[in-house]
Amino acid sequence: MATTSLERPLAARPSTWFVWAGMTAFGVFLLGILVAVVVDSFGRQWFDTWLPDGLTTERYAEAWDRFALGEVIGVTVGVAVLVVVISVLVGVPAAYVLARRDFPGKRAVMLLFLLPVLMPPITYGIPLATVMYSFGLGRTLTAVVLVNLVPSVPFVILTMTPFIEQINPAIESAARMCGARTWQVFTRVLAPLLVPGILAAAILVLVRTVGLFELTFLVSGPGSDTLVVAIYRGMTAAGGGEARQLISALSVIYTATMLVMLVVALRFVNPTQLVAQVKETRDD
């Protein structure tokens, strides 16, 4: 029987096999690193053998006491929550103005907000840290929060601006015709519609803040270190660093924290659902 033009060959192209081979190799390599770190964090001694001499959970208890992880995690959560709240309170109204108003220099303002998101943090982190130390804010929680706001606020603005643009302006016009003022339109009409976008931006900022190293490291110190900075300080401590198993335990705790946040983000924030909700709102 002759084959039709719509039939496709079952054999994959060489390029497809190459891509799958590369992805598989990367996955195996990444999984191997994760398994090695987890096993090392539970190992007693591990030198030239395939497995440690014994397994124990003492490294986690020791790391908790040695690095004061209770305080470090508290600082990390506190900084992340403050950055999220301030970024949303500042970024959402600014995004509304950019989405609903046209003014001279609007493109330049958007480009200005885009720079901290695209540029490597170290390029503007050093001058920013210099300013913080000049004002006596170095090694304080205030400095840590302020430097994390520099990329976070523009990130919220850039995330929420297209989201607000997709909402039908006729909804606001109808509310104003009924006598609602600007702040009432924003809080009672737009706010419920913006909840999915705000939630998405907030979770992404939360994950970004917990994982941000460069800016936090430049201005933090004892009592203001976040978890990722504490791991680095432990690796580079005087005398060759801390015991490898302690650093592995810290890394496992940090990785588990990030995974929990990512799972929460994927559980409660679905990009496909967000787009669908915005389209339905615009059609209405």
Protein backbone atom coordinates (compact mmCIF):
# COMPACT_ATOMS: atom_id res chain seq x y z
CA MET A 1 0.00 0.00 0.00
CA ALA A 2 1.40 3.40 -0.91
CA THR A 3 2.12 5.79 1.93
CA THR A 4 0.34 9.12 2.06
CA SER A 5 2.04 12.48 2.39
CA LEU A 6 0.58 12.92 5.87
CA GLU A 7 2.44 9.95 7.36
CA ARG A 8 5.55 10.69 9.38
CA PRO A 9 8.60 8.44 9.74
CA LEU A 10 8.80 6.71 13.11
CA ALA A 11 12.57 7.10 13.37
CA ALA A 12 13.68 10.30 15.08
CA ARG A 13 16.14 12.67 13.50
CA PRO A 14 19.78 12.68 14.67
CA SER A 15 19.30 16.15 16.12
CA THR A 16 16.42 14.88 18.27
CA TRP A 17 18.54 12.05 19.63
CA PHE A 18 21.33 14.53 20.33
CA VAL A 19 19.00 16.80 22.32
CA TRP A 20 17.57 13.91 24.34
CA ALA A 21 21.06 12.55 25.01
CA GLY A 22 22.20 15.94 26.27
CA MET A 23 19.15 16.32 28.51
CA THR A 24 19.62 12.82 29.89
CA ALA A 25 23.31 13.42 30.60
CA PHE A 26 22.51 16.69 32.35
CA GLY A 27 19.79 15.03 34.43
CA VAL A 28 22.06 12.16 35.47
CA PHE A 29 24.86 14.60 36.33
CA LEU A 30 22.54 16.81 38.41
CA LEU A 31 20.96 13.84 40.17
CA GLY A 32 24.41 12.43 40.95
CA ILE A 33 25.46 15.69 42.60
CA LEU A 34 22.27 15.85 44.68
CA VAL A 35 22.59 12.24 45.80
CA ALA A 36 26.27 12.71 46.69
CA VAL A 37 25.51 15.80 48.80
CA VAL A 38 22.59 14.11 50.60
CA VAL A 39 24.62 10.96 51.35
CA ASP A 40 27.58 13.06 52.48
CA SER A 41 25.36 15.01 54.88
CA PHE A 42 24.41 11.75 56.62
CA GLY A 43 27.88 10.15 56.44
CA ARG A 44 30.34 9.80 59.29
CA GLN A 45 33.51 9.52 57.20
CA TRP A 46 33.73 9.31 53.43
CA PHE A 47 37.08 9.32 51.69
CA ASP A 48 37.99 6.77 48.98
CA THR A 49 35.06 4.36 49.16
CA TRP A 50 31.77 4.23 47.27
CA LEU A 51 29.72 4.78 50.44
CA PRO A 52 30.45 6.37 53.85
CA ASP A 53 31.62 4.23 56.75
CA GLY A 54 28.34 4.87 58.55
CA LEU A 55 25.22 7.02 58.52
CA THR A 56 24.09 9.48 61.17
CA THR A 57 21.86 12.51 61.61
CA GLU A 58 24.28 14.19 64.01
CA ARG A 59 25.58 16.47 61.25
CA TYR A 60 22.24 18.23 61.01
CA ALA A 61 22.05 18.85 64.75
CA GLU A 62 25.65 20.03 64.75
CA ALA A 63 25.06 22.33 61.78
CA TRP A 64 21.95 23.74 63.47
CA ASP A 65 23.95 24.68 66.57
CA ARG A 66 27.20 25.63 64.82
CA PHE A 67 25.63 28.07 62.36
CA ALA A 68 22.68 29.17 64.54
CA LEU A 69 20.29 28.06 61.83
CA GLY A 70 17.26 29.03 63.88
CA GLU A 71 18.34 32.67 63.73
CA VAL A 72 19.54 32.42 60.12
CA ILE A 73 16.27 30.91 58.89
CA GLY A 74 14.33 33.52 60.87
CA VAL A 75 16.34 36.30 59.22
CA THR A 76 15.86 34.70 55.80
CA VAL A 77 12.09 34.41 56.21
CA GLY A 78 11.80 37.90 57.70
CA VAL A 79 13.78 39.53 54.92
CA ALA A 80 11.88 37.62 52.24
CA VAL A 81 8.46 38.56 53.68
CA LEU A 82 9.40 42.24 54.03
CA VAL A 83 10.76 42.37 50.49
CA VAL A 84 7.62 40.70 49.12
CA VAL A 85 5.23 43.02 50.98
CA ILE A 86 7.08 46.22 50.08
CA SER A 87 7.59 45.14 46.47
CA VAL A 88 3.87 44.43 46.03
CA LEU A 89 2.76 47.65 47.76
CA VAL A 90 5.09 49.74 45.59
CA GLY A 91 5.11 47.71 42.40
CA VAL A 92 1.38 47.16 41.83
CA PRO A 93 0.37 50.86 41.89
CA ALA A 94 3.37 51.71 39.71
CA ALA A 95 2.40 48.97 37.27
CA TYR A 96 -1.14 50.36 37.16
CA VAL A 97 0.14 53.81 36.22
CA LEU A 98 2.36 52.38 33.49
CA ALA A 99 -0.47 50.22 32.16
CA ARG A 100 -3.16 52.90 32.10
CA ARG A 101 -1.28 56.15 31.45
CA ASP A 102 0.75 57.41 28.51
CA PHE A 103 3.34 60.07 29.25
CA PRO A 104 6.60 61.35 27.73
CA GLY A 105 9.54 59.09 28.53
CA LYS A 106 7.41 56.04 29.33
CA ARG A 107 9.68 53.75 27.32
CA ALA A 108 12.72 55.14 29.10
CA VAL A 109 11.09 54.43 32.46
CA MET A 110 10.29 50.86 31.40
CA LEU A 111 13.89 50.39 30.28
CA LEU A 112 15.08 51.74 33.62
CA PHE A 113 12.97 49.16 35.45
CA LEU A 114 14.24 46.43 33.13
CA LEU A 115 17.92 47.05 33.83
CA PRO A 116 18.08 45.64 37.41
CA VAL A 117 16.31 42.49 36.20
CA LEU A 118 18.58 41.87 33.21
CA MET A 119 21.93 43.11 34.52
CA PRO A 120 24.10 40.88 36.73
CA PRO A 121 23.52 41.95 40.35
CA ILE A 122 27.24 42.42 41.01
CA THR A 123 27.43 45.24 38.43
CA TYR A 124 25.24 47.54 40.50
CA GLY A 125 25.69 45.71 43.81
CA ILE A 126 29.12 47.13 44.61
CA PRO A 127 28.13 50.81 44.15
CA LEU A 128 24.92 50.10 46.06
CA ALA A 129 26.85 48.50 48.91
CA THR A 130 29.20 51.50 48.98
CA VAL A 131 26.23 53.80 49.45
CA MET A 132 24.86 51.60 52.26
CA TYR A 133 28.15 51.61 54.14
CA SER A 134 28.47 55.38 53.62
CA PHE A 135 25.15 55.87 55.43
CA GLY A 136 26.11 53.47 58.21
CA LEU A 137 23.69 50.77 57.13
CA GLY A 138 26.26 48.10 56.30
CA ARG A 139 25.80 44.67 57.93
CA THR A 140 22.25 45.49 59.01
CA LEU A 141 18.87 43.99 58.20
CA THR A 142 17.78 47.35 56.80
CA ALA A 143 20.54 47.23 54.20
CA VAL A 144 19.71 43.63 53.29
CA VAL A 145 16.05 44.51 52.72
CA LEU A 146 16.87 47.66 50.72
CA VAL A 147 19.33 46.00 48.34
CA ASN A 148 16.90 43.14 47.70
CA LEU A 149 14.20 45.67 46.79
CA VAL A 150 16.30 47.01 43.91
CA PRO A 151 15.62 44.04 41.60
CA SER A 152 12.36 42.95 43.27
CA VAL A 153 10.28 46.11 42.79
CA PRO A 154 11.05 46.34 39.05
CA PHE A 155 10.31 42.63 38.75
CA VAL A 156 6.83 43.12 40.22
CA ILE A 157 6.24 46.13 37.97
CA LEU A 158 7.26 44.25 34.83
CA THR A 159 5.17 41.25 35.85
CA MET A 160 2.01 43.16 36.73
CA THR A 161 2.01 45.75 33.92
CA PRO A 162 0.97 43.36 31.11
CA PHE A 163 -1.42 41.65 33.53
CA ILE A 164 -3.22 44.94 34.21
CA GLU A 165 -3.22 45.85 30.52
CA GLN A 166 -5.27 42.72 29.78
CA ILE A 167 -8.08 43.81 32.12
CA ASN A 168 -10.88 45.61 30.29
CA PRO A 169 -10.77 49.35 31.16
CA ALA A 170 -14.57 49.45 30.75
CA ILE A 171 -14.85 47.83 34.17
CA GLU A 172 -13.15 50.84 35.76
CA SER A 173 -15.23 53.27 33.72
CA ALA A 174 -18.42 51.61 34.88
CA ALA A 175 -17.33 51.83 38.50
CA ARG A 176 -16.51 55.53 38.13
CA MET A 177 -19.87 56.18 36.51
CA CYS A 178 -21.47 54.67 39.63
CA GLY A 179 -19.63 57.20 41.79
CA ALA A 180 -16.55 55.23 42.86
CA ARG A 181 -13.38 57.18 43.45
CA THR A 182 -9.94 56.16 42.21
CA TRP A 183 -8.87 54.41 45.40
CA GLN A 184 -12.25 52.63 45.58
CA VAL A 185 -11.88 51.45 41.99
CA PHE A 186 -8.41 50.16 42.76
CA THR A 187 -9.23 48.44 46.06
CA ARG A 188 -12.76 47.13 45.41
CA VAL A 189 -12.83 46.51 41.67
CA LEU A 190 -9.30 45.91 40.42
CA ALA A 191 -7.77 44.31 43.51
CA PRO A 192 -9.92 41.13 43.36
CA LEU A 193 -9.09 40.76 39.66
CA LEU A 194 -5.37 41.28 40.33
CA VAL A 195 -5.11 38.68 43.10
CA PRO A 196 -3.83 35.87 40.82
CA GLY A 197 -1.17 38.12 39.30
CA ILE A 198 -0.15 39.54 42.66
CA LEU A 199 0.12 36.04 44.09
CA ALA A 200 2.29 34.92 41.19
CA ALA A 201 4.58 37.95 41.45
CA ALA A 202 4.83 37.61 45.24
CA ILE A 203 5.84 33.94 45.13
CA LEU A 204 8.41 34.57 42.40
CA VAL A 205 9.88 37.47 44.39
CA LEU A 206 9.95 35.27 47.50
CA VAL A 207 11.92 32.54 45.72
CA ARG A 208 14.20 35.11 44.10
CA THR A 209 14.95 36.85 47.41
CA VAL A 210 15.77 33.64 49.28
CA GLY A 211 18.17 32.61 46.53
CA LEU A 212 19.80 36.00 45.91
CA PHE A 213 23.42 35.83 47.01
CA GLU A 214 25.48 38.70 45.57
CA LEU A 215 23.55 41.71 46.87
CA THR A 216 22.87 40.15 50.25
CA PHE A 217 26.49 39.07 50.74
CA LEU A 218 27.82 42.57 50.04
CA VAL A 219 25.85 44.24 52.85
CA SER A 220 25.08 41.47 55.37
CA GLY A 221 26.99 40.44 58.46
CA PRO A 222 26.54 38.62 61.78
CA GLY A 223 22.86 38.71 62.62
CA SER A 224 21.79 39.68 59.10
CA ASP A 225 23.07 36.76 57.00
CA THR A 226 20.50 34.80 55.02
CA LEU A 227 20.75 31.05 54.53
CA VAL A 228 22.57 31.16 51.20
CA VAL A 229 25.16 33.59 52.60
CA ALA A 230 25.62 31.45 55.71
CA ILE A 231 26.48 28.47 53.50
CA TYR A 232 29.14 30.50 51.69
CA ARG A 233 30.65 31.83 54.91
CA GLY A 234 30.82 28.29 56.26
CA MET A 235 32.65 27.09 53.15
CA THR A 236 35.20 29.92 53.28
CA ALA A 237 35.71 30.12 57.05
CA ALA A 238 39.21 30.53 58.41
CA GLY A 239 41.28 27.36 58.59
CA GLY A 240 40.05 25.83 55.37
CA GLY A 241 36.32 26.00 56.08
CA GLU A 242 34.00 23.88 58.14
CA ALA A 243 33.72 20.10 57.95
CA ARG A 244 32.44 19.00 54.57
CA GLN A 245 29.52 17.10 56.09
CA LEU A 246 28.30 20.26 57.84
CA ILE A 247 28.31 22.19 54.58
CA SER A 248 26.48 19.31 52.90
CA ALA A 249 23.85 19.38 55.65
CA LEU A 250 23.44 23.14 55.15
CA SER A 251 23.10 22.62 51.41
CA VAL A 252 20.41 19.98 51.90
CA ILE A 253 18.45 22.30 54.19
CA TYR A 254 18.74 25.14 51.69
CA THR A 255 17.74 22.92 48.75
CA ALA A 256 14.77 21.52 50.66
CA THR A 257 13.63 25.07 51.50
CA MET A 258 13.80 26.13 47.86
CA LEU A 259 12.01 22.97 46.68
CA VAL A 260 9.17 23.57 49.14
CA MET A 261 8.75 27.11 47.80
CA LEU A 262 8.78 25.90 44.20
CA VAL A 263 6.20 23.21 44.97
CA VAL A 264 3.97 25.80 46.62
CA ALA A 265 4.41 28.12 43.64
CA LEU A 266 3.49 25.41 41.14
CA ARG A 267 0.60 24.24 43.34
CA PHE A 268 -1.10 27.60 43.75
CA VAL A 269 0.14 29.54 40.72
CA ASN A 270 -0.54 28.02 37.29
CA PRO A 271 0.55 30.34 34.44
CA THR A 272 -2.00 28.78 32.07
CA GLN A 273 -4.84 29.43 34.51
CA LEU A 274 -3.66 33.01 35.02
CA VAL A 275 -3.75 33.72 31.28
CA ALA A 276 -7.20 32.10 30.98
CA GLN A 277 -8.58 34.18 33.85
CA VAL A 278 -7.22 37.40 32.36
CA LYS A 279 -8.70 36.60 28.94
CA GLU A 280 -12.10 35.84 30.50
CA THR A 281 -11.98 39.12 32.41
CA ARG A 282 -11.13 41.06 29.25
CA ASP A 283 -13.91 39.40 27.27
CA ASP A 284 -16.43 40.27 29.96
